[in-house]
N, C-alpha and C. Protein backbone atom coordinates (compact mmCIF):
# COMPACT_ATOMS: atom_id res chain seq x y z
N LEU A 1 13.90 -3.03 1.12
CA LEU A 1 13.30 -3.53 2.34
C LEU A 1 11.79 -3.70 2.17
N SER A 2 11.14 -2.71 1.54
CA SER A 2 9.69 -2.81 1.37
C SER A 2 9.31 -3.99 0.48
N ASP A 3 10.16 -4.29 -0.52
CA ASP A 3 9.88 -5.44 -1.38
C ASP A 3 9.98 -6.74 -0.58
N TYR A 4 10.97 -6.81 0.31
CA TYR A 4 11.14 -8.01 1.14
C TYR A 4 9.93 -8.19 2.06
N ILE A 5 9.50 -7.11 2.69
CA ILE A 5 8.33 -7.17 3.58
C ILE A 5 7.10 -7.57 2.77
N SER A 6 6.98 -7.03 1.58
CA SER A 6 5.87 -7.37 0.71
C SER A 6 5.89 -8.86 0.35
N GLN A 7 7.08 -9.41 0.11
CA GLN A 7 7.20 -10.85 -0.17
C GLN A 7 6.75 -11.67 1.04
N LEU A 8 7.18 -11.24 2.23
CA LEU A 8 6.77 -11.96 3.44
C LEU A 8 5.26 -11.90 3.61
N ASN A 9 4.67 -10.74 3.33
CA ASN A 9 3.24 -10.57 3.51
C ASN A 9 2.42 -11.29 2.45
N SER A 10 3.08 -11.87 1.46
CA SER A 10 2.36 -12.65 0.45
C SER A 10 2.72 -14.13 0.54
N ASP A 11 3.37 -14.53 1.64
CA ASP A 11 3.76 -15.92 1.86
C ASP A 11 2.59 -16.67 2.50
N VAL A 12 1.97 -17.56 1.74
CA VAL A 12 0.78 -18.28 2.20
C VAL A 12 1.08 -19.14 3.42
N SER A 13 2.26 -19.77 3.48
CA SER A 13 2.56 -20.62 4.64
C SER A 13 2.69 -19.79 5.92
N LEU A 14 3.28 -18.61 5.83
CA LEU A 14 3.35 -17.73 7.00
C LEU A 14 1.96 -17.30 7.44
N TYR A 15 1.12 -16.97 6.46
CA TYR A 15 -0.24 -16.55 6.78
C TYR A 15 -1.02 -17.68 7.45
N SER A 16 -0.86 -18.90 6.93
CA SER A 16 -1.55 -20.06 7.52
C SER A 16 -1.13 -20.25 8.97
N ALA A 17 0.18 -20.15 9.24
CA ALA A 17 0.67 -20.28 10.61
C ALA A 17 0.11 -19.16 11.48
N LEU A 18 0.04 -17.96 10.95
CA LEU A 18 -0.47 -16.82 11.70
C LEU A 18 -1.95 -16.99 12.03
N GLN A 19 -2.71 -17.57 11.11
CA GLN A 19 -4.13 -17.83 11.37
C GLN A 19 -4.29 -18.76 12.57
N ILE A 20 -3.44 -19.78 12.64
CA ILE A 20 -3.49 -20.72 13.77
C ILE A 20 -3.16 -20.00 15.08
N VAL A 21 -2.14 -19.15 15.03
CA VAL A 21 -1.74 -18.40 16.23
C VAL A 21 -2.88 -17.50 16.70
N VAL A 22 -3.50 -16.79 15.79
CA VAL A 22 -4.59 -15.87 16.16
C VAL A 22 -5.77 -16.63 16.76
N LYS A 23 -6.02 -17.83 16.25
CA LYS A 23 -7.13 -18.63 16.79
C LYS A 23 -6.85 -19.16 18.19
N SER A 24 -5.59 -19.26 18.57
CA SER A 24 -5.25 -19.78 19.90
C SER A 24 -5.06 -18.63 20.89
N LYS A 25 -6.06 -17.79 20.94
CA LYS A 25 -6.02 -16.58 21.78
C LYS A 25 -5.79 -16.92 23.25
N ASP A 26 -6.32 -18.05 23.70
CA ASP A 26 -6.21 -18.44 25.12
C ASP A 26 -4.76 -18.64 25.56
N THR A 27 -3.88 -19.00 24.64
CA THR A 27 -2.49 -19.28 25.00
C THR A 27 -1.58 -18.07 24.87
N LEU A 28 -2.12 -16.94 24.44
CA LEU A 28 -1.32 -15.74 24.20
C LEU A 28 -1.62 -14.65 25.22
N THR A 29 -0.64 -13.82 25.48
CA THR A 29 -0.91 -12.63 26.28
C THR A 29 -1.72 -11.68 25.39
N SER A 30 -2.32 -10.69 26.00
CA SER A 30 -3.12 -9.75 25.21
C SER A 30 -2.24 -9.01 24.19
N GLU A 31 -1.00 -8.70 24.57
CA GLU A 31 -0.08 -8.02 23.64
C GLU A 31 0.28 -8.93 22.46
N GLU A 32 0.55 -10.20 22.76
CA GLU A 32 0.89 -11.15 21.68
C GLU A 32 -0.28 -11.31 20.72
N TRP A 33 -1.50 -11.40 21.29
CA TRP A 33 -2.66 -11.58 20.43
C TRP A 33 -2.91 -10.35 19.57
N ARG A 34 -2.74 -9.15 20.16
CA ARG A 34 -2.91 -7.91 19.38
C ARG A 34 -1.89 -7.85 18.25
N MET A 35 -0.65 -8.23 18.54
CA MET A 35 0.40 -8.21 17.51
C MET A 35 0.07 -9.21 16.40
N ALA A 36 -0.32 -10.42 16.78
CA ALA A 36 -0.66 -11.44 15.78
C ALA A 36 -1.86 -11.00 14.94
N SER A 37 -2.85 -10.41 15.59
CA SER A 37 -4.03 -9.92 14.86
C SER A 37 -3.67 -8.80 13.90
N SER A 38 -2.77 -7.92 14.35
CA SER A 38 -2.32 -6.82 13.50
C SER A 38 -1.56 -7.35 12.28
N LEU A 39 -0.70 -8.33 12.50
CA LEU A 39 0.03 -8.94 11.38
C LEU A 39 -0.92 -9.63 10.41
N LYS A 40 -1.91 -10.33 10.94
CA LYS A 40 -2.89 -11.01 10.08
C LYS A 40 -3.63 -9.98 9.22
N ALA A 41 -4.02 -8.86 9.83
CA ALA A 41 -4.71 -7.81 9.08
C ALA A 41 -3.81 -7.24 7.99
N GLU A 42 -2.51 -7.11 8.29
CA GLU A 42 -1.57 -6.62 7.29
C GLU A 42 -1.46 -7.59 6.11
N PHE A 43 -1.40 -8.89 6.40
CA PHE A 43 -1.38 -9.89 5.35
C PHE A 43 -2.62 -9.75 4.47
N GLU A 44 -3.77 -9.60 5.10
CA GLU A 44 -5.02 -9.52 4.35
C GLU A 44 -5.10 -8.22 3.56
N ARG A 45 -4.57 -7.14 4.09
CA ARG A 45 -4.55 -5.87 3.37
C ARG A 45 -3.66 -5.98 2.12
N ASP A 46 -2.63 -6.82 2.22
CA ASP A 46 -1.73 -7.02 1.08
C ASP A 46 -2.24 -8.07 0.10
N GLY A 47 -3.46 -8.58 0.30
CA GLY A 47 -4.09 -9.43 -0.69
C GLY A 47 -3.79 -10.91 -0.58
N ILE A 48 -3.44 -11.40 0.61
CA ILE A 48 -3.10 -12.81 0.78
C ILE A 48 -4.23 -13.74 0.36
N HIS A 49 -5.45 -13.27 0.42
CA HIS A 49 -6.62 -14.07 0.08
C HIS A 49 -6.83 -14.20 -1.43
N LEU A 50 -6.04 -13.46 -2.21
CA LEU A 50 -6.20 -13.46 -3.67
C LEU A 50 -5.41 -14.60 -4.31
N PRO A 51 -5.77 -14.97 -5.54
CA PRO A 51 -4.97 -15.96 -6.27
C PRO A 51 -3.54 -15.43 -6.51
N GLN A 52 -2.61 -16.33 -6.75
CA GLN A 52 -1.18 -15.99 -6.87
C GLN A 52 -0.93 -14.84 -7.85
N ASP A 53 -1.52 -14.88 -9.04
CA ASP A 53 -1.25 -13.84 -10.03
C ASP A 53 -1.73 -12.47 -9.54
N GLN A 54 -2.85 -12.44 -8.85
CA GLN A 54 -3.36 -11.18 -8.33
C GLN A 54 -2.52 -10.70 -7.14
N ARG A 55 -2.00 -11.63 -6.34
CA ARG A 55 -1.10 -11.24 -5.24
C ARG A 55 0.15 -10.60 -5.80
N GLN A 56 0.68 -11.16 -6.88
CA GLN A 56 1.86 -10.59 -7.54
C GLN A 56 1.56 -9.17 -8.01
N HIS A 57 0.37 -8.98 -8.57
CA HIS A 57 -0.01 -7.66 -9.07
C HIS A 57 -0.12 -6.66 -7.91
N VAL A 58 -0.72 -7.08 -6.80
CA VAL A 58 -0.82 -6.22 -5.63
C VAL A 58 0.57 -5.85 -5.12
N ARG A 59 1.47 -6.83 -5.10
CA ARG A 59 2.84 -6.56 -4.64
C ARG A 59 3.53 -5.56 -5.54
N MET A 60 3.35 -5.71 -6.86
CA MET A 60 3.95 -4.78 -7.81
C MET A 60 3.39 -3.37 -7.60
N LEU A 61 2.07 -3.26 -7.41
CA LEU A 61 1.46 -1.95 -7.17
C LEU A 61 1.97 -1.34 -5.87
N SER A 62 2.09 -2.15 -4.85
CA SER A 62 2.59 -1.67 -3.56
C SER A 62 4.02 -1.14 -3.70
N ASN A 63 4.85 -1.87 -4.41
CA ASN A 63 6.23 -1.43 -4.64
C ASN A 63 6.27 -0.12 -5.42
N ASN A 64 5.38 0.01 -6.40
CA ASN A 64 5.30 1.26 -7.16
C ASN A 64 4.92 2.44 -6.26
N VAL A 65 3.97 2.21 -5.36
CA VAL A 65 3.54 3.26 -4.45
C VAL A 65 4.71 3.70 -3.57
N VAL A 66 5.45 2.73 -3.04
CA VAL A 66 6.60 3.06 -2.19
C VAL A 66 7.63 3.86 -2.98
N SER A 67 7.90 3.45 -4.22
CA SER A 67 8.85 4.18 -5.05
C SER A 67 8.39 5.61 -5.31
N LEU A 68 7.11 5.77 -5.59
CA LEU A 68 6.57 7.11 -5.84
C LEU A 68 6.60 7.96 -4.57
N GLU A 69 6.31 7.34 -3.43
CA GLU A 69 6.39 8.09 -2.17
C GLU A 69 7.80 8.58 -1.92
N THR A 70 8.77 7.70 -2.16
CA THR A 70 10.17 8.06 -1.97
C THR A 70 10.57 9.19 -2.91
N LEU A 71 10.21 9.06 -4.17
CA LEU A 71 10.51 10.09 -5.16
C LEU A 71 9.86 11.42 -4.78
N PHE A 72 8.63 11.35 -4.35
CA PHE A 72 7.92 12.56 -3.93
C PHE A 72 8.65 13.25 -2.78
N MET A 73 9.00 12.47 -1.75
CA MET A 73 9.68 13.06 -0.60
C MET A 73 11.05 13.62 -0.98
N GLU A 74 11.76 12.95 -1.87
CA GLU A 74 13.05 13.47 -2.34
C GLU A 74 12.85 14.80 -3.05
N ASN A 75 11.83 14.89 -3.88
CA ASN A 75 11.56 16.12 -4.61
C ASN A 75 11.13 17.25 -3.68
N VAL A 76 10.37 16.92 -2.66
CA VAL A 76 9.90 17.94 -1.73
C VAL A 76 11.06 18.48 -0.91
N THR A 77 11.98 17.62 -0.52
CA THR A 77 13.05 18.05 0.37
C THR A 77 14.27 18.63 -0.35
N LYS A 78 14.38 18.46 -1.64
CA LYS A 78 15.52 19.00 -2.40
C LYS A 78 15.26 20.45 -2.77
N GLY A 79 16.34 21.17 -2.98
CA GLY A 79 16.25 22.53 -3.54
C GLY A 79 15.67 23.52 -2.57
N ASP A 80 15.12 24.61 -3.13
CA ASP A 80 14.59 25.67 -2.29
C ASP A 80 13.28 25.25 -1.65
N CYS A 81 12.82 26.05 -0.77
CA CYS A 81 11.58 25.74 -0.04
C CYS A 81 10.36 26.37 -0.70
N GLY A 82 10.53 26.87 -1.91
CA GLY A 82 9.41 27.51 -2.59
C GLY A 82 8.40 26.50 -3.09
N THR A 83 7.35 27.02 -3.70
CA THR A 83 6.30 26.17 -4.23
C THR A 83 6.80 25.41 -5.44
N LYS A 84 6.42 24.18 -5.52
CA LYS A 84 6.77 23.35 -6.67
C LYS A 84 5.48 22.99 -7.40
N ASN A 85 5.50 23.07 -8.70
CA ASN A 85 4.35 22.71 -9.50
C ASN A 85 4.56 21.34 -10.10
N VAL A 86 3.50 20.56 -10.10
CA VAL A 86 3.52 19.24 -10.70
C VAL A 86 2.41 19.21 -11.74
N THR A 87 2.72 18.77 -12.94
CA THR A 87 1.72 18.70 -14.00
C THR A 87 1.46 17.25 -14.33
N LEU A 88 0.20 16.88 -14.31
CA LEU A 88 -0.22 15.53 -14.64
C LEU A 88 -1.33 15.60 -15.68
N LYS A 89 -1.39 14.58 -16.52
CA LYS A 89 -2.54 14.46 -17.40
C LYS A 89 -3.75 14.11 -16.53
N LYS A 90 -4.91 14.57 -16.95
CA LYS A 90 -6.12 14.35 -16.17
C LYS A 90 -6.33 12.86 -15.87
N ASP A 91 -6.15 12.01 -16.87
CA ASP A 91 -6.36 10.57 -16.66
C ASP A 91 -5.38 10.01 -15.64
N ASP A 92 -4.13 10.48 -15.67
CA ASP A 92 -3.14 10.02 -14.69
C ASP A 92 -3.49 10.51 -13.30
N ALA A 93 -3.90 11.76 -13.21
CA ALA A 93 -4.22 12.35 -11.91
C ALA A 93 -5.38 11.60 -11.25
N THR A 94 -6.42 11.28 -12.03
CA THR A 94 -7.58 10.62 -11.44
C THR A 94 -7.28 9.17 -11.05
N GLN A 95 -6.18 8.62 -11.56
CA GLN A 95 -5.78 7.26 -11.19
C GLN A 95 -5.09 7.24 -9.83
N ILE A 96 -4.41 8.35 -9.46
CA ILE A 96 -3.58 8.32 -8.25
C ILE A 96 -3.99 9.32 -7.17
N ILE A 97 -4.86 10.27 -7.50
CA ILE A 97 -5.27 11.29 -6.54
C ILE A 97 -6.78 11.16 -6.32
N PRO A 98 -7.22 11.08 -5.06
CA PRO A 98 -8.66 11.00 -4.82
C PRO A 98 -9.38 12.18 -5.47
N LEU A 99 -10.52 11.91 -6.09
CA LEU A 99 -11.25 12.92 -6.85
C LEU A 99 -11.59 14.16 -6.04
N HIS A 100 -11.86 14.00 -4.74
CA HIS A 100 -12.24 15.17 -3.94
C HIS A 100 -11.07 16.13 -3.72
N TYR A 101 -9.84 15.72 -4.07
CA TYR A 101 -8.69 16.62 -3.98
C TYR A 101 -8.45 17.38 -5.29
N LEU A 102 -9.05 16.92 -6.37
CA LEU A 102 -8.82 17.55 -7.68
C LEU A 102 -9.81 18.69 -7.90
N PRO A 103 -9.35 19.73 -8.59
CA PRO A 103 -10.27 20.84 -8.87
C PRO A 103 -11.32 20.38 -9.88
N PRO A 104 -12.49 20.98 -9.82
CA PRO A 104 -13.53 20.62 -10.80
C PRO A 104 -13.06 20.99 -12.21
N THR A 105 -13.48 20.20 -13.18
CA THR A 105 -13.12 20.47 -14.57
C THR A 105 -14.38 20.67 -15.39
N SER A 106 -14.24 21.45 -16.44
CA SER A 106 -15.39 21.66 -17.31
C SER A 106 -15.44 20.51 -18.32
N PRO A 107 -16.64 20.22 -18.84
CA PRO A 107 -16.81 19.08 -19.76
C PRO A 107 -15.97 19.19 -21.03
N ASP A 108 -15.61 20.42 -21.45
CA ASP A 108 -14.89 20.58 -22.70
C ASP A 108 -13.36 20.46 -22.52
N GLU A 109 -12.89 20.28 -21.28
CA GLU A 109 -11.44 20.15 -21.06
C GLU A 109 -10.98 18.79 -21.54
N GLY A 110 -9.83 18.77 -22.20
CA GLY A 110 -9.25 17.51 -22.66
C GLY A 110 -8.43 16.88 -21.58
N SER A 111 -7.94 15.66 -21.85
CA SER A 111 -7.12 14.95 -20.86
C SER A 111 -5.69 15.45 -20.92
């Protein structure tokens, strides 16, 4: 489902139609305009303004994030309720976890 939504959010013709709808604010109720504006922002967040190859890359990254979220939630909810440890290489961790969440490291630590 997320891949399908991602495909819709990268459809240039849908985005073009949505831009026209958002510009015709006078003909919409406030709820319709808010919904259209929200959808337009979602399109833009998904990279609709980027060239085709970059939009494909954004879609692939988005799908990967959804897969990782699903895997994470499955791992959290399975088994006992005890603490679970996850080990990542430093380079991998800094790619997916905001730096302010990671513990400080000393200069001599390897990746």
